[in-house]
């Protein structure tokens, strides 16, 4: 059974924009979704650094914290520079419950849940950002999102690699 904590956040973001494209991109909403995903990933990255039983997962958790704090700063700077109001997007009750489940997990159960969610969540987040990038008409926003994708892809590939290596 896959535990998909972050996929719910990313799915909410993808569903918010629609499957067939964004049409008119609301930059504040996109940045708000990214900020919400960042805040959650910072929190669970900290848990991974503390609770994981596999050192590679601990290191990955520390990298998530660093990278998502950096992305949060980039979002803030981009929004301020371009006078964009970042939407206040709150996680759904389902997302909150899923994160609480991960917080309560321990040992190998935590490792498995964490990696499962990182793979699926980053895959969905990459899809959301790429869709927004492709659909926006604003070149500054398109360039900003193009810079976000490689970090999210790296997180996805790293989680997938650790998951395969750990045979979870």
Protein backbone atom coordinates (compact mmCIF):
# COMPACT_ATOMS: atom_id res chain seq x y z
CA UNK A 1 0.00 0.00 0.00
CA UNK A 2 1.37 3.40 -0.95
CA UNK A 3 1.08 6.24 1.53
CA UNK A 4 0.50 9.41 -0.45
CA UNK A 5 0.73 12.32 1.92
CA UNK A 6 2.29 14.83 -0.41
CA UNK A 7 0.53 13.59 -3.48
CA UNK A 8 -2.65 14.95 -1.92
CA UNK A 9 -1.07 18.40 -1.70
CA UNK A 10 0.32 18.19 -5.21
CA UNK A 11 -2.89 16.64 -6.55
CA UNK A 12 -4.86 19.50 -5.01
CA UNK A 13 -2.56 21.89 -6.85
CA UNK A 14 -2.95 20.05 -10.15
CA UNK A 15 -6.71 19.73 -9.72
CA UNK A 16 -6.95 23.42 -8.89
CA UNK A 17 -5.51 24.29 -12.30
CA UNK A 18 -7.25 21.57 -14.26
CA UNK A 19 -5.90 18.68 -16.25
CA UNK A 20 -6.06 20.26 -19.68
CA UNK A 21 -3.99 23.30 -18.79
CA UNK A 22 -4.25 26.43 -16.80
CA UNK A 23 -5.70 28.79 -19.33
CA UNK A 24 -5.17 32.07 -17.55
CA UNK A 25 -2.52 31.47 -14.89
CA UNK A 26 -3.10 33.05 -11.48
CA UNK A 27 0.48 33.60 -10.35
CA UNK A 28 -0.52 34.26 -6.74
CA UNK A 29 -2.35 30.93 -6.60
CA UNK A 30 0.57 29.01 -8.13
CA UNK A 31 3.02 30.62 -5.71
CA UNK A 32 0.61 29.95 -2.84
CA UNK A 33 0.41 26.26 -3.76
CA UNK A 34 4.21 26.06 -3.96
CA UNK A 35 4.55 27.80 -0.61
CA UNK A 36 2.14 25.36 1.03
CA UNK A 37 4.00 22.39 -0.44
CA UNK A 38 7.32 23.92 0.70
CA UNK A 39 6.15 24.41 4.27
CA UNK A 40 4.97 20.82 4.49
CA UNK A 41 8.17 19.45 2.98
CA UNK A 42 10.29 21.49 5.38
CA UNK A 43 8.38 20.01 8.29
CA UNK A 44 8.58 16.39 7.13
CA UNK A 45 12.17 16.84 5.99
CA UNK A 46 13.01 17.77 9.57
CA UNK A 47 11.21 14.65 10.78
CA UNK A 48 13.15 12.51 8.29
CA UNK A 49 16.44 13.97 9.51
CA UNK A 50 15.47 13.01 13.07
CA UNK A 51 13.36 9.84 12.73
CA UNK A 52 14.58 7.91 9.70
CA UNK A 53 16.40 4.65 10.31
CA UNK A 54 18.41 4.89 7.09
CA UNK A 55 21.20 7.49 6.98
CA UNK A 56 20.54 8.26 3.31
CA UNK A 57 16.96 9.22 4.21
CA UNK A 58 18.20 11.42 7.04
CA UNK A 59 20.51 13.25 4.62
CA UNK A 60 17.73 13.55 2.05
CA UNK A 61 15.49 15.07 4.73
CA UNK A 62 18.15 17.65 5.56
CA UNK A 63 18.50 18.48 1.85
CA UNK A 64 14.72 18.91 1.52
CA UNK A 65 14.72 21.39 4.41
CA UNK A 66 17.57 23.40 2.88
CA UNK A 67 16.17 23.41 -0.65
CA UNK A 68 12.56 24.17 0.29
CA UNK A 69 13.62 27.01 2.63
CA UNK A 70 15.61 28.39 -0.30
CA UNK A 71 12.61 28.04 -2.62
CA UNK A 72 10.42 29.81 -0.08
CA UNK A 73 12.85 32.73 -0.09
CA UNK A 74 12.82 32.76 -3.90
CA UNK A 75 9.01 32.80 -3.92
CA UNK A 76 8.96 35.69 -1.46
CA UNK A 77 11.52 37.66 -3.47
CA UNK A 78 9.83 36.99 -6.81
CA UNK A 79 6.43 37.97 -5.44
CA UNK A 80 7.76 41.14 -3.82
CA UNK A 81 9.73 42.20 -6.89
CA UNK A 82 6.77 41.61 -9.19
CA UNK A 83 4.09 42.88 -6.80
CA UNK A 84 2.27 39.54 -6.67
CA UNK A 85 0.13 38.68 -3.68
CA UNK A 86 0.86 35.08 -2.73
CA UNK A 87 -2.42 33.31 -2.01
CA UNK A 88 -2.83 31.83 1.46
CA UNK A 89 -3.47 28.20 0.54
CA UNK A 90 -4.22 25.98 3.52
CA UNK A 91 -3.74 22.22 3.39
CA UNK A 92 -6.98 20.26 3.28
CA UNK A 93 -8.14 18.30 6.31
CA UNK A 94 -7.12 15.13 4.44
CA UNK A 95 -3.61 16.53 3.94
CA UNK A 96 -3.36 17.51 7.60
CA UNK A 97 -4.43 14.03 8.69
CA UNK A 98 -1.91 12.41 6.36
CA UNK A 99 0.93 14.56 7.69
CA UNK A 100 -0.12 13.70 11.24
CA UNK A 101 0.03 10.00 10.31
CA UNK A 102 3.59 10.45 9.10
CA UNK A 103 4.49 12.37 12.25
CA UNK A 104 3.30 9.45 14.36
CA UNK A 105 5.07 6.79 12.28
CA UNK A 106 8.34 5.33 13.54
CA UNK A 107 11.12 3.08 12.36
CA UNK A 108 10.87 1.30 9.04
CA UNK A 109 7.20 2.32 8.77
CA UNK A 110 8.25 5.98 8.80
CA UNK A 111 10.96 5.33 6.20
CA UNK A 112 8.53 3.63 3.83
CA UNK A 113 5.76 6.20 4.22
CA UNK A 114 8.22 9.04 3.82
CA UNK A 115 9.83 7.69 0.64
CA UNK A 116 6.52 6.72 -0.92
CA UNK A 117 5.19 10.22 -0.40
CA UNK A 118 8.35 11.93 -1.61
CA UNK A 119 8.33 10.01 -4.89
CA UNK A 120 4.65 10.61 -5.67
CA UNK A 121 4.51 14.13 -4.22
CA UNK A 122 7.51 15.41 -6.15
CA UNK A 123 6.30 13.78 -9.33
CA UNK A 124 2.99 15.62 -8.95
CA UNK A 125 4.67 18.90 -7.97
CA UNK A 126 6.90 18.77 -11.06
CA UNK A 127 3.84 18.21 -13.21
CA UNK A 128 2.02 21.15 -11.63
CA UNK A 129 4.95 23.54 -12.06
CA UNK A 130 5.58 22.44 -15.65
CA UNK A 131 1.90 22.94 -16.52
CA UNK A 132 1.90 26.41 -15.00
CA UNK A 133 5.16 27.26 -16.80
CA UNK A 134 3.82 26.08 -20.13
CA UNK A 135 0.50 27.91 -19.74
CA UNK A 136 1.63 31.27 -18.42
CA UNK A 137 2.00 34.16 -20.83
CA UNK A 138 4.25 36.10 -18.43
CA UNK A 139 7.90 35.57 -19.42
CA UNK A 140 9.24 36.50 -15.95
CA UNK A 141 6.95 33.96 -14.29
CA UNK A 142 7.78 31.35 -16.94
CA UNK A 143 11.51 31.86 -16.26
CA UNK A 144 10.98 31.67 -12.50
CA UNK A 145 9.09 28.39 -12.79
CA UNK A 146 11.71 27.01 -15.19
CA UNK A 147 14.27 27.52 -12.40
CA UNK A 148 12.05 25.67 -9.88
CA UNK A 149 11.61 22.49 -11.93
CA UNK A 150 15.22 21.15 -11.70
CA UNK A 151 15.21 21.18 -7.89
CA UNK A 152 11.86 19.38 -7.71
CA UNK A 153 13.05 16.85 -10.31
CA UNK A 154 16.20 16.24 -8.30
CA UNK A 155 14.12 15.60 -5.17
CA UNK A 156 11.92 13.18 -7.12
CA UNK A 157 14.86 11.26 -8.60
CA UNK A 158 16.69 11.10 -5.28
CA UNK A 159 13.65 9.74 -3.44
CA UNK A 160 13.07 7.20 -6.19
CA UNK A 161 16.71 6.10 -6.06
CA UNK A 162 16.69 5.72 -2.26
CA UNK A 163 13.39 3.86 -2.38
CA UNK A 164 14.71 1.38 -4.96
CA UNK A 165 17.96 0.93 -3.07
CA UNK A 166 16.10 0.31 0.19
CA UNK A 167 13.76 -2.13 -1.64
CA UNK A 168 10.72 -0.63 -0.04
